[in-house]
């Protein structure tokens, strides 16, 4: 609990253009700001108004690095994804048996899992991004906790958690592969925020590369 309060104090001391509130049930929401009042955390909503939450249901407060235009008209983007040379999907890797087992277990296309790994880490099990994403499928620590993955540098644990995450994203976005991939890269909140693939060059290129590998 002291750790939570320290995070809240830090976020309060460093105003951000937006903040992400992470809940104990793995949900998150983007808000304008927050303040602490006794045992409650009051959040100022993007569209105006406030909501109050008990401290016990919030596990983290962090800056929201995803742009959130106040004028949603400015967020309109072309439907077409950029043209990229995705190359070809690697045919044989040391991780194929693990991918096949996880894919069969969770009903996710093994080629999709392999394409995500190829784009995310290039099949490097010790890969780590500057934002802290780890392993073959570049999972964040909070995603690891969500799927009870103890060691994200262990290929079997990483692929199992990543495959489950893909399955859940496909379910959340009604089996739309482009939206699920966009959510894998930019987060579910960003996809819901823009009601489609967010207008970020990185995310659009990411989705285009994976779809290109699967064609």
Protein backbone atom coordinates (compact mmCIF):
# COMPACT_ATOMS: atom_id res chain seq x y z
CA UNK A 1 0.00 0.00 0.00
CA UNK A 2 2.89 2.37 0.75
CA UNK A 3 4.13 1.71 -2.79
CA UNK A 4 0.76 2.73 -4.21
CA UNK A 5 0.71 5.95 -2.20
CA UNK A 6 4.24 6.77 -3.35
CA UNK A 7 3.20 6.34 -6.98
CA UNK A 8 0.19 8.57 -6.44
CA UNK A 9 2.30 11.21 -4.76
CA UNK A 10 4.81 11.11 -7.61
CA UNK A 11 2.12 11.48 -10.24
CA UNK A 12 0.58 14.35 -8.29
CA UNK A 13 3.92 16.11 -8.02
CA UNK A 14 4.57 15.87 -11.78
CA UNK A 15 1.59 17.19 -13.74
CA UNK A 16 1.07 15.41 -17.06
CA UNK A 17 -1.07 16.22 -20.06
CA UNK A 18 -2.90 13.00 -19.26
CA UNK A 19 -2.70 10.15 -16.78
CA UNK A 20 -3.47 6.45 -16.89
CA UNK A 21 -5.26 4.96 -13.91
CA UNK A 22 -4.66 1.22 -13.48
CA UNK A 23 -7.22 -0.78 -11.51
CA UNK A 24 -6.75 -4.00 -9.55
CA UNK A 25 -9.01 -5.89 -12.01
CA UNK A 26 -6.51 -5.06 -14.87
CA UNK A 27 -8.72 -2.31 -16.37
CA UNK A 28 -7.24 1.10 -17.10
CA UNK A 29 -8.60 4.51 -18.03
CA UNK A 30 -7.11 7.75 -19.31
CA UNK A 31 -7.99 10.82 -17.27
CA UNK A 32 -6.99 14.46 -17.23
CA UNK A 33 -5.63 14.41 -13.68
CA UNK A 34 -6.24 13.06 -10.19
CA UNK A 35 -6.09 14.12 -6.58
CA UNK A 36 -6.21 12.30 -3.26
CA UNK A 37 -8.88 13.03 -0.69
CA UNK A 38 -8.53 10.83 2.38
CA UNK A 39 -9.26 7.24 1.35
CA UNK A 40 -10.54 8.26 -2.07
CA UNK A 41 -8.89 9.14 -5.35
CA UNK A 42 -10.77 11.74 -7.37
CA UNK A 43 -10.12 11.71 -11.12
CA UNK A 44 -10.91 14.57 -13.48
CA UNK A 45 -12.39 13.10 -16.66
CA UNK A 46 -11.29 14.07 -20.13
CA UNK A 47 -14.71 15.26 -21.15
CA UNK A 48 -15.34 17.10 -17.89
CA UNK A 49 -16.71 15.97 -14.57
CA UNK A 50 -15.16 13.82 -11.87
CA UNK A 51 -15.29 10.27 -10.55
CA UNK A 52 -14.27 9.01 -7.12
CA UNK A 53 -12.63 5.64 -6.40
CA UNK A 54 -11.53 3.95 -3.21
CA UNK A 55 -7.74 3.82 -3.00
CA UNK A 56 -7.82 0.04 -2.66
CA UNK A 57 -9.05 -0.49 -6.24
CA UNK A 58 -6.24 1.52 -7.89
CA UNK A 59 -2.80 -0.08 -8.19
CA UNK A 60 -0.91 2.52 -10.22
CA UNK A 61 -1.04 6.01 -11.70
CA UNK A 62 1.26 6.84 -14.60
CA UNK A 63 1.61 9.44 -17.36
CA UNK A 64 -0.43 8.62 -20.46
CA UNK A 65 2.05 8.74 -23.33
CA UNK A 66 -0.63 8.25 -25.96
CA UNK A 67 -1.82 11.59 -27.46
CA UNK A 68 -5.47 12.34 -26.84
CA UNK A 69 -6.71 15.19 -29.03
CA UNK A 70 -9.29 17.35 -27.26
CA UNK A 71 -10.84 18.03 -30.65
CA UNK A 72 -11.68 14.56 -31.92
CA UNK A 73 -12.16 15.96 -35.44
CA UNK A 74 -8.40 16.37 -35.55
CA UNK A 75 -8.04 12.65 -35.02
CA UNK A 76 -9.66 11.66 -38.29
CA UNK A 77 -7.24 9.49 -40.26
CA UNK A 78 -7.22 7.70 -43.60
CA UNK A 79 -8.59 4.17 -43.62
CA UNK A 80 -5.67 2.82 -45.64
CA UNK A 81 -2.63 1.43 -43.84
CA UNK A 82 0.82 2.41 -45.11
CA UNK A 83 2.46 0.25 -47.73
CA UNK A 84 5.40 -1.60 -46.18
CA UNK A 85 7.72 -4.31 -47.38
CA UNK A 86 7.05 -6.92 -44.70
CA UNK A 87 9.27 -9.53 -46.27
CA UNK A 88 8.30 -13.12 -45.54
CA UNK A 89 7.31 -15.01 -42.42
CA UNK A 90 10.22 -17.05 -41.08
CA UNK A 91 9.40 -20.68 -41.76
CA UNK A 92 11.36 -22.62 -39.17
CA UNK A 93 12.42 -21.48 -35.72
CA UNK A 94 13.43 -23.14 -32.47
CA UNK A 95 10.18 -21.87 -30.95
CA UNK A 96 7.78 -23.53 -33.40
CA UNK A 97 6.77 -26.37 -31.01
CA UNK A 98 6.01 -23.88 -28.22
CA UNK A 99 4.05 -21.67 -30.63
CA UNK A 100 2.05 -24.65 -31.90
CA UNK A 101 1.16 -25.81 -28.39
CA UNK A 102 0.07 -22.36 -27.22
CA UNK A 103 -1.85 -21.71 -30.44
CA UNK A 104 -3.71 -25.02 -30.25
CA UNK A 105 -4.45 -24.52 -26.55
CA UNK A 106 -6.00 -21.09 -27.05
CA UNK A 107 -7.39 -21.30 -30.57
CA UNK A 108 -5.13 -18.66 -32.09
CA UNK A 109 -3.55 -19.06 -35.54
CA UNK A 110 0.06 -20.17 -35.06
CA UNK A 111 1.13 -18.03 -38.04
CA UNK A 112 -0.30 -14.97 -36.29
CA UNK A 113 1.66 -15.70 -33.11
CA UNK A 114 4.83 -16.22 -35.14
CA UNK A 115 4.29 -12.99 -37.11
CA UNK A 116 3.86 -11.02 -33.88
CA UNK A 117 7.09 -12.50 -32.51
CA UNK A 118 8.95 -11.75 -35.74
CA UNK A 119 7.90 -8.09 -35.69
CA UNK A 120 8.14 -7.60 -31.94
CA UNK A 121 11.52 -9.18 -31.17
CA UNK A 122 12.93 -10.87 -34.24
CA UNK A 123 12.85 -14.14 -32.24
CA UNK A 124 15.23 -12.76 -29.59
CA UNK A 125 14.06 -14.16 -26.21
CA UNK A 126 16.08 -11.62 -24.20
CA UNK A 127 14.80 -8.57 -26.10
CA UNK A 128 13.77 -5.60 -23.96
CA UNK A 129 12.34 -2.29 -25.16
CA UNK A 130 13.10 1.12 -23.67
CA UNK A 131 9.56 1.09 -22.25
CA UNK A 132 10.16 -2.19 -20.43
CA UNK A 133 8.47 -4.69 -22.77
CA UNK A 134 10.23 -8.02 -22.52
CA UNK A 135 10.88 -11.27 -24.32
CA UNK A 136 9.78 -12.79 -27.60
CA UNK A 137 6.33 -11.18 -27.66
CA UNK A 138 7.46 -7.97 -25.91
CA UNK A 139 5.04 -8.09 -23.00
CA UNK A 140 4.84 -5.42 -20.33
CA UNK A 141 5.10 -6.40 -16.65
CA UNK A 142 1.42 -5.63 -16.03
CA UNK A 143 0.46 -7.98 -18.87
CA UNK A 144 2.67 -10.65 -17.32
CA UNK A 145 0.82 -10.25 -14.02
CA UNK A 146 -2.53 -10.42 -15.80
CA UNK A 147 -1.67 -13.83 -17.26
CA UNK A 148 0.43 -15.01 -14.30
CA UNK A 149 3.63 -15.24 -16.38
CA UNK A 150 6.47 -15.53 -13.87
CA UNK A 151 9.42 -15.09 -16.24
CA UNK A 152 8.95 -13.14 -19.48
CA UNK A 153 12.43 -14.14 -20.65
CA UNK A 154 11.36 -17.79 -20.62
CA UNK A 155 10.11 -18.52 -24.18
CA UNK A 156 7.34 -20.90 -23.09
CA UNK A 157 6.01 -18.50 -20.44
CA UNK A 158 6.24 -15.50 -22.76
CA UNK A 159 4.54 -17.18 -25.72
CA UNK A 160 1.81 -18.62 -23.50
CA UNK A 161 0.99 -15.20 -22.05
CA UNK A 162 1.29 -13.42 -25.39
CA UNK A 163 -0.99 -15.91 -27.12
CA UNK A 164 -3.61 -15.57 -24.40
CA UNK A 165 -3.36 -11.80 -24.71
CA UNK A 166 -3.91 -11.99 -28.48
CA UNK A 167 -6.92 -14.25 -27.96
CA UNK A 168 -8.46 -11.82 -25.48
CA UNK A 169 -7.84 -8.85 -27.77
CA UNK A 170 -9.45 -10.66 -30.70
CA UNK A 171 -12.47 -11.37 -28.50
CA UNK A 172 -12.65 -7.80 -27.25
CA UNK A 173 -12.60 -6.37 -30.78
CA UNK A 174 -15.01 -8.90 -32.28
CA UNK A 175 -12.35 -10.92 -34.11
CA UNK A 176 -11.06 -7.87 -36.02
CA UNK A 177 -7.42 -8.74 -36.56
CA UNK A 178 -6.32 -5.16 -37.47
CA UNK A 179 -7.93 -3.76 -34.32
CA UNK A 180 -6.53 -6.53 -32.12
CA UNK A 181 -3.04 -5.90 -33.48
CA UNK A 182 -3.43 -2.16 -32.99
CA UNK A 183 -4.45 -2.80 -29.39
CA UNK A 184 -1.46 -5.11 -28.90
CA UNK A 185 0.81 -2.26 -29.98
CA UNK A 186 -0.91 0.87 -28.65
CA UNK A 187 -3.26 -0.50 -26.01
CA UNK A 188 -6.97 -1.20 -25.94
CA UNK A 189 -7.77 2.28 -24.65
CA UNK A 190 -6.19 3.94 -27.69
CA UNK A 191 -8.22 1.78 -30.10
CA UNK A 192 -11.45 2.56 -28.27
CA UNK A 193 -10.50 6.22 -28.04
CA UNK A 194 -10.21 6.59 -31.81
CA UNK A 195 -12.85 3.97 -32.64
CA UNK A 196 -10.35 2.22 -34.90
CA UNK A 197 -6.64 1.97 -35.55
CA UNK A 198 -5.04 4.99 -33.82
CA UNK A 199 -3.41 7.61 -36.08
CA UNK A 200 0.10 6.80 -34.91
CA UNK A 201 2.69 6.01 -37.58
CA UNK A 202 4.28 3.32 -35.40
CA UNK A 203 0.98 1.52 -34.81
CA UNK A 204 -0.18 1.71 -38.42
CA UNK A 205 3.17 0.44 -39.68
CA UNK A 206 3.11 -2.32 -37.06
CA UNK A 207 -0.33 -3.53 -38.15
CA UNK A 208 0.61 -3.32 -41.83
CA UNK A 209 3.82 -5.33 -41.28
CA UNK A 210 2.06 -8.18 -39.51
CA UNK A 211 -0.81 -8.31 -41.98
CA UNK A 212 1.80 -8.32 -44.76
CA UNK A 213 3.56 -11.31 -43.21
CA UNK A 214 0.28 -13.22 -43.02
CA UNK A 215 -0.67 -12.60 -46.65
